[in-house]
Amino acid sequence: MSVGVVAITYHVGGVEVSDFLIPAFYRSSTRATVGYSHTGGLTEPLQIANGGYISFIDPADGHVWQRFVRDGQVSDRDWGVQDLGRDMLRQRSDQLAAEFRAESA
């Protein structure tokens, strides 16, 4: 699974970087925790920030799925089985997200 939380950023040495998830994000319950992302911008497990997305592979059929949240609206996209070739899943996930955003613009 790869997750995008690009909607939440912070600065390191004057460079804007994307927030990242901590292990509590993957819990299925809201047990007491400090947060779900580095910045604390996510307030519950498996939450997708507005403007962000999550990518995952369905183990039943190998399809790559992405869920996007934009202006509070959730959109799911089944990209089917992906032949990654020499690509890494993170790279392909970013490419698919860029395609979806271009289509939705």
N, C-alpha and C. Protein backbone atom coordinates (compact mmCIF):
# COMPACT_ATOMS: atom_id res chain seq x y z
N MET A 1 0.85 -1.16 0.00
CA MET A 1 0.00 0.00 0.00
C MET A 1 0.90 1.23 0.00
N SER A 2 0.50 2.20 -0.72
CA SER A 2 1.19 3.49 -0.63
C SER A 2 0.13 4.54 -0.38
N VAL A 3 0.52 5.53 0.31
CA VAL A 3 -0.44 6.53 0.73
C VAL A 3 0.09 7.91 0.40
N GLY A 4 -0.76 8.78 -0.11
CA GLY A 4 -0.40 10.16 -0.36
C GLY A 4 -1.10 11.07 0.63
N VAL A 5 -0.33 11.85 1.31
CA VAL A 5 -0.91 12.89 2.17
C VAL A 5 -0.35 14.23 1.74
N VAL A 6 -0.24 14.39 0.43
CA VAL A 6 0.39 15.58 -0.12
C VAL A 6 -0.37 16.86 0.21
N ALA A 7 -1.60 16.73 0.68
CA ALA A 7 -2.37 17.93 1.01
C ALA A 7 -1.86 18.59 2.27
N ILE A 8 -1.09 17.86 3.07
CA ILE A 8 -0.54 18.39 4.31
C ILE A 8 0.97 18.44 4.15
N THR A 9 1.52 19.62 4.30
CA THR A 9 2.96 19.77 4.13
C THR A 9 3.55 20.53 5.31
N TYR A 10 4.87 20.51 5.37
CA TYR A 10 5.60 21.30 6.36
C TYR A 10 6.96 21.63 5.75
N HIS A 11 7.72 22.49 6.40
CA HIS A 11 8.99 22.94 5.83
C HIS A 11 10.18 22.39 6.61
N VAL A 12 11.19 21.98 5.85
CA VAL A 12 12.46 21.54 6.43
C VAL A 12 13.55 22.33 5.71
N GLY A 13 14.26 23.16 6.42
CA GLY A 13 15.32 23.95 5.81
C GLY A 13 14.84 24.79 4.65
N GLY A 14 13.61 25.30 4.75
CA GLY A 14 13.06 26.14 3.70
C GLY A 14 12.47 25.39 2.53
N VAL A 15 12.45 24.05 2.60
CA VAL A 15 11.90 23.23 1.52
C VAL A 15 10.57 22.64 1.99
N GLU A 16 9.53 22.79 1.17
CA GLU A 16 8.24 22.21 1.51
C GLU A 16 8.26 20.71 1.22
N VAL A 17 7.89 19.91 2.22
CA VAL A 17 7.85 18.46 2.06
C VAL A 17 6.48 17.95 2.47
N SER A 18 6.14 16.76 1.98
CA SER A 18 4.85 16.15 2.26
C SER A 18 4.85 15.51 3.64
N ASP A 19 3.73 15.61 4.32
CA ASP A 19 3.53 14.91 5.58
C ASP A 19 3.70 13.41 5.32
N PHE A 20 4.01 12.64 6.35
CA PHE A 20 4.11 11.20 6.19
C PHE A 20 3.40 10.50 7.34
N LEU A 21 3.05 9.26 7.10
CA LEU A 21 2.27 8.49 8.05
C LEU A 21 3.14 7.84 9.10
N ILE A 22 2.55 7.62 10.26
CA ILE A 22 3.22 6.85 11.31
C ILE A 22 2.43 5.55 11.49
N PRO A 23 3.00 4.53 12.14
CA PRO A 23 2.34 3.22 12.22
C PRO A 23 0.90 3.24 12.73
N ALA A 24 0.55 4.16 13.62
CA ALA A 24 -0.82 4.21 14.14
C ALA A 24 -1.85 4.41 13.03
N PHE A 25 -1.47 4.99 11.90
CA PHE A 25 -2.37 5.23 10.77
C PHE A 25 -3.04 3.94 10.32
N TYR A 26 -2.30 2.82 10.39
CA TYR A 26 -2.77 1.55 9.86
C TYR A 26 -3.63 0.78 10.84
N ARG A 27 -3.84 1.28 12.04
CA ARG A 27 -4.71 0.61 13.01
C ARG A 27 -6.16 0.75 12.58
N SER A 28 -6.96 -0.24 12.95
CA SER A 28 -8.38 -0.17 12.60
C SER A 28 -9.21 0.49 13.69
N SER A 29 -8.59 0.88 14.78
CA SER A 29 -9.34 1.54 15.85
C SER A 29 -8.64 2.83 16.25
N THR A 30 -9.35 3.66 16.96
CA THR A 30 -8.80 4.95 17.38
C THR A 30 -8.30 4.86 18.83
N ARG A 31 -7.45 3.88 19.09
CA ARG A 31 -6.86 3.79 20.43
C ARG A 31 -6.08 5.07 20.70
N ALA A 32 -5.88 5.35 21.97
CA ALA A 32 -5.13 6.56 22.33
C ALA A 32 -3.79 6.57 21.61
N THR A 33 -3.53 7.63 20.91
CA THR A 33 -2.28 7.77 20.17
C THR A 33 -1.95 9.25 20.04
N VAL A 34 -0.72 9.52 19.72
CA VAL A 34 -0.28 10.90 19.56
C VAL A 34 -0.79 11.49 18.25
N GLY A 35 -0.97 10.67 17.25
CA GLY A 35 -1.45 11.13 15.96
C GLY A 35 -1.31 10.03 14.93
N TYR A 36 -1.60 10.35 13.70
CA TYR A 36 -1.57 9.37 12.63
C TYR A 36 -0.62 9.78 11.50
N SER A 37 -0.11 11.00 11.59
CA SER A 37 0.88 11.46 10.62
C SER A 37 1.90 12.30 11.38
N HIS A 38 3.01 12.57 10.73
CA HIS A 38 4.10 13.31 11.37
C HIS A 38 3.63 14.66 11.92
N THR A 39 2.84 15.37 11.14
CA THR A 39 2.40 16.71 11.56
C THR A 39 1.21 16.67 12.51
N GLY A 40 0.55 15.51 12.62
CA GLY A 40 -0.68 15.42 13.39
C GLY A 40 -1.89 15.90 12.61
N GLY A 41 -1.70 16.14 11.32
CA GLY A 41 -2.79 16.63 10.47
C GLY A 41 -3.90 15.62 10.24
N LEU A 42 -3.59 14.34 10.39
CA LEU A 42 -4.62 13.31 10.29
C LEU A 42 -5.08 12.97 11.70
N THR A 43 -6.38 12.88 11.89
CA THR A 43 -6.91 12.73 13.24
C THR A 43 -7.55 11.38 13.51
N GLU A 44 -7.52 10.47 12.53
CA GLU A 44 -8.06 9.13 12.74
C GLU A 44 -7.36 8.15 11.81
N PRO A 45 -7.43 6.85 12.14
CA PRO A 45 -6.78 5.86 11.29
C PRO A 45 -7.39 5.83 9.88
N LEU A 46 -6.56 5.59 8.90
CA LEU A 46 -6.96 5.44 7.50
C LEU A 46 -7.64 6.67 6.91
N GLN A 47 -7.51 7.80 7.56
CA GLN A 47 -8.08 9.05 7.06
C GLN A 47 -7.27 9.52 5.85
N ILE A 48 -7.96 10.07 4.88
CA ILE A 48 -7.31 10.65 3.71
C ILE A 48 -7.55 12.15 3.76
N ALA A 49 -6.49 12.91 3.76
CA ALA A 49 -6.60 14.36 3.82
C ALA A 49 -7.26 14.89 2.56
N ASN A 50 -7.99 15.98 2.68
CA ASN A 50 -8.57 16.62 1.51
C ASN A 50 -7.44 17.00 0.55
N GLY A 51 -7.55 16.56 -0.69
CA GLY A 51 -6.50 16.78 -1.67
C GLY A 51 -5.51 15.64 -1.74
N GLY A 52 -5.66 14.65 -0.86
CA GLY A 52 -4.75 13.51 -0.83
C GLY A 52 -5.36 12.26 -1.45
N TYR A 53 -4.62 11.17 -1.37
CA TYR A 53 -5.10 9.90 -1.91
C TYR A 53 -4.40 8.74 -1.21
N ILE A 54 -5.01 7.57 -1.36
CA ILE A 54 -4.42 6.34 -0.85
C ILE A 54 -4.44 5.33 -1.99
N SER A 55 -3.41 4.53 -2.09
CA SER A 55 -3.31 3.50 -3.13
C SER A 55 -3.16 2.15 -2.45
N PHE A 56 -3.77 1.14 -3.03
CA PHE A 56 -3.61 -0.21 -2.48
C PHE A 56 -3.87 -1.25 -3.56
N ILE A 57 -3.37 -2.45 -3.31
CA ILE A 57 -3.59 -3.57 -4.20
C ILE A 57 -4.57 -4.51 -3.53
N ASP A 58 -5.63 -4.89 -4.24
CA ASP A 58 -6.60 -5.84 -3.73
C ASP A 58 -5.98 -7.24 -3.84
N PRO A 59 -5.74 -7.91 -2.70
CA PRO A 59 -5.09 -9.22 -2.76
C PRO A 59 -5.92 -10.28 -3.46
N ALA A 60 -7.24 -10.08 -3.57
CA ALA A 60 -8.10 -11.07 -4.21
C ALA A 60 -7.88 -11.15 -5.72
N ASP A 61 -7.64 -10.00 -6.36
CA ASP A 61 -7.51 -10.01 -7.82
C ASP A 61 -6.29 -9.26 -8.35
N GLY A 62 -5.50 -8.64 -7.47
CA GLY A 62 -4.29 -7.94 -7.90
C GLY A 62 -4.53 -6.57 -8.50
N HIS A 63 -5.78 -6.08 -8.46
CA HIS A 63 -6.07 -4.76 -9.02
C HIS A 63 -5.50 -3.66 -8.12
N VAL A 64 -4.98 -2.62 -8.75
CA VAL A 64 -4.51 -1.44 -8.04
C VAL A 64 -5.68 -0.46 -7.95
N TRP A 65 -5.99 -0.03 -6.74
CA TRP A 65 -7.06 0.93 -6.48
C TRP A 65 -6.47 2.20 -5.89
N GLN A 66 -7.13 3.31 -6.17
CA GLN A 66 -6.79 4.56 -5.51
C GLN A 66 -8.08 5.24 -5.08
N ARG A 67 -8.04 5.83 -3.90
CA ARG A 67 -9.15 6.64 -3.39
C ARG A 67 -8.63 8.06 -3.23
N PHE A 68 -9.32 8.99 -3.85
CA PHE A 68 -8.96 10.40 -3.81
C PHE A 68 -10.01 11.17 -3.02
N VAL A 69 -9.59 12.21 -2.32
CA VAL A 69 -10.52 13.10 -1.65
C VAL A 69 -10.22 14.51 -2.13
N ARG A 70 -11.23 15.13 -2.74
CA ARG A 70 -11.08 16.50 -3.23
C ARG A 70 -12.35 17.26 -2.87
N ASP A 71 -12.20 18.38 -2.21
CA ASP A 71 -13.34 19.20 -1.78
C ASP A 71 -14.37 18.36 -1.01
N GLY A 72 -13.86 17.42 -0.21
CA GLY A 72 -14.73 16.58 0.61
C GLY A 72 -15.40 15.44 -0.14
N GLN A 73 -15.19 15.35 -1.44
CA GLN A 73 -15.79 14.29 -2.26
C GLN A 73 -14.80 13.14 -2.42
N VAL A 74 -15.29 11.92 -2.24
CA VAL A 74 -14.46 10.73 -2.38
C VAL A 74 -14.66 10.14 -3.77
N SER A 75 -13.56 9.82 -4.45
CA SER A 75 -13.60 9.17 -5.75
C SER A 75 -12.70 7.95 -5.70
N ASP A 76 -13.22 6.80 -6.10
CA ASP A 76 -12.44 5.57 -6.17
C ASP A 76 -12.13 5.25 -7.62
N ARG A 77 -10.94 4.75 -7.86
CA ARG A 77 -10.51 4.40 -9.22
C ARG A 77 -9.86 3.03 -9.21
N ASP A 78 -10.39 2.10 -10.00
CA ASP A 78 -9.80 0.77 -10.18
C ASP A 78 -8.94 0.83 -11.44
N TRP A 79 -7.64 0.72 -11.25
CA TRP A 79 -6.71 0.81 -12.37
C TRP A 79 -6.40 -0.57 -12.96
N GLY A 80 -7.01 -1.61 -12.40
CA GLY A 80 -6.76 -2.96 -12.90
C GLY A 80 -5.40 -3.47 -12.45
N VAL A 81 -5.03 -4.61 -12.99
CA VAL A 81 -3.73 -5.20 -12.69
C VAL A 81 -2.67 -4.38 -13.42
N GLN A 82 -1.62 -4.03 -12.72
CA GLN A 82 -0.55 -3.21 -13.30
C GLN A 82 0.71 -4.05 -13.52
N ASP A 83 1.23 -4.02 -14.72
CA ASP A 83 2.53 -4.64 -15.00
C ASP A 83 3.57 -3.59 -14.67
N LEU A 84 4.21 -3.74 -13.52
CA LEU A 84 5.15 -2.72 -13.07
C LEU A 84 6.47 -2.74 -13.83
N GLY A 85 6.78 -3.87 -14.47
CA GLY A 85 8.05 -3.93 -15.19
C GLY A 85 9.19 -3.55 -14.26
N ARG A 86 9.89 -2.51 -14.61
CA ARG A 86 11.02 -2.05 -13.80
C ARG A 86 10.61 -0.94 -12.82
N ASP A 87 9.35 -0.51 -12.89
CA ASP A 87 8.87 0.55 -12.01
C ASP A 87 8.64 0.03 -10.59
N MET A 88 8.72 0.92 -9.64
CA MET A 88 8.34 0.61 -8.27
C MET A 88 6.87 0.99 -8.11
N LEU A 89 6.18 0.33 -7.19
CA LEU A 89 4.77 0.62 -6.97
C LEU A 89 4.56 2.10 -6.63
N ARG A 90 5.44 2.68 -5.84
CA ARG A 90 5.30 4.09 -5.48
C ARG A 90 5.33 4.97 -6.73
N GLN A 91 6.25 4.67 -7.65
CA GLN A 91 6.37 5.44 -8.89
C GLN A 91 5.10 5.31 -9.73
N ARG A 92 4.60 4.08 -9.88
CA ARG A 92 3.39 3.86 -10.67
C ARG A 92 2.19 4.53 -10.00
N SER A 93 2.12 4.43 -8.69
CA SER A 93 1.03 5.05 -7.94
C SER A 93 0.99 6.55 -8.20
N ASP A 94 2.14 7.19 -8.16
CA ASP A 94 2.22 8.63 -8.43
C ASP A 94 1.79 8.95 -9.85
N GLN A 95 2.18 8.10 -10.82
CA GLN A 95 1.79 8.31 -12.21
C GLN A 95 0.27 8.21 -12.37
N LEU A 96 -0.32 7.18 -11.76
CA LEU A 96 -1.76 7.00 -11.85
C LEU A 96 -2.51 8.16 -11.19
N ALA A 97 -2.01 8.62 -10.07
CA ALA A 97 -2.64 9.75 -9.38
C ALA A 97 -2.58 11.01 -10.26
N ALA A 98 -1.46 11.22 -10.93
CA ALA A 98 -1.34 12.38 -11.81
C ALA A 98 -2.33 12.27 -12.97
N GLU A 99 -2.51 11.06 -13.52
CA GLU A 99 -3.48 10.85 -14.60
C GLU A 99 -4.90 11.16 -14.13
N PHE A 100 -5.25 10.66 -12.94
CA PHE A 100 -6.59 10.91 -12.41
C PHE A 100 -6.83 12.39 -12.20
N ARG A 101 -5.86 13.07 -11.63
CA ARG A 101 -6.01 14.50 -11.38
C ARG A 101 -6.14 15.29 -12.68
N ALA A 102 -5.40 14.87 -13.72
CA ALA A 102 -5.50 15.54 -15.02
C ALA A 102 -6.88 15.34 -15.63
N GLU A 103 -7.43 14.11 -15.50
CA GLU A 103 -8.76 13.82 -16.01
C GLU A 103 -9.83 14.59 -15.27
N SER A 104 -9.61 14.81 -13.98
CA SER A 104 -10.62 15.43 -13.13
C SER A 104 -10.53 16.95 -13.09
N ALA A 105 -9.52 17.50 -13.74
CA ALA A 105 -9.31 18.95 -13.68
C ALA A 105 -10.31 19.71 -14.52
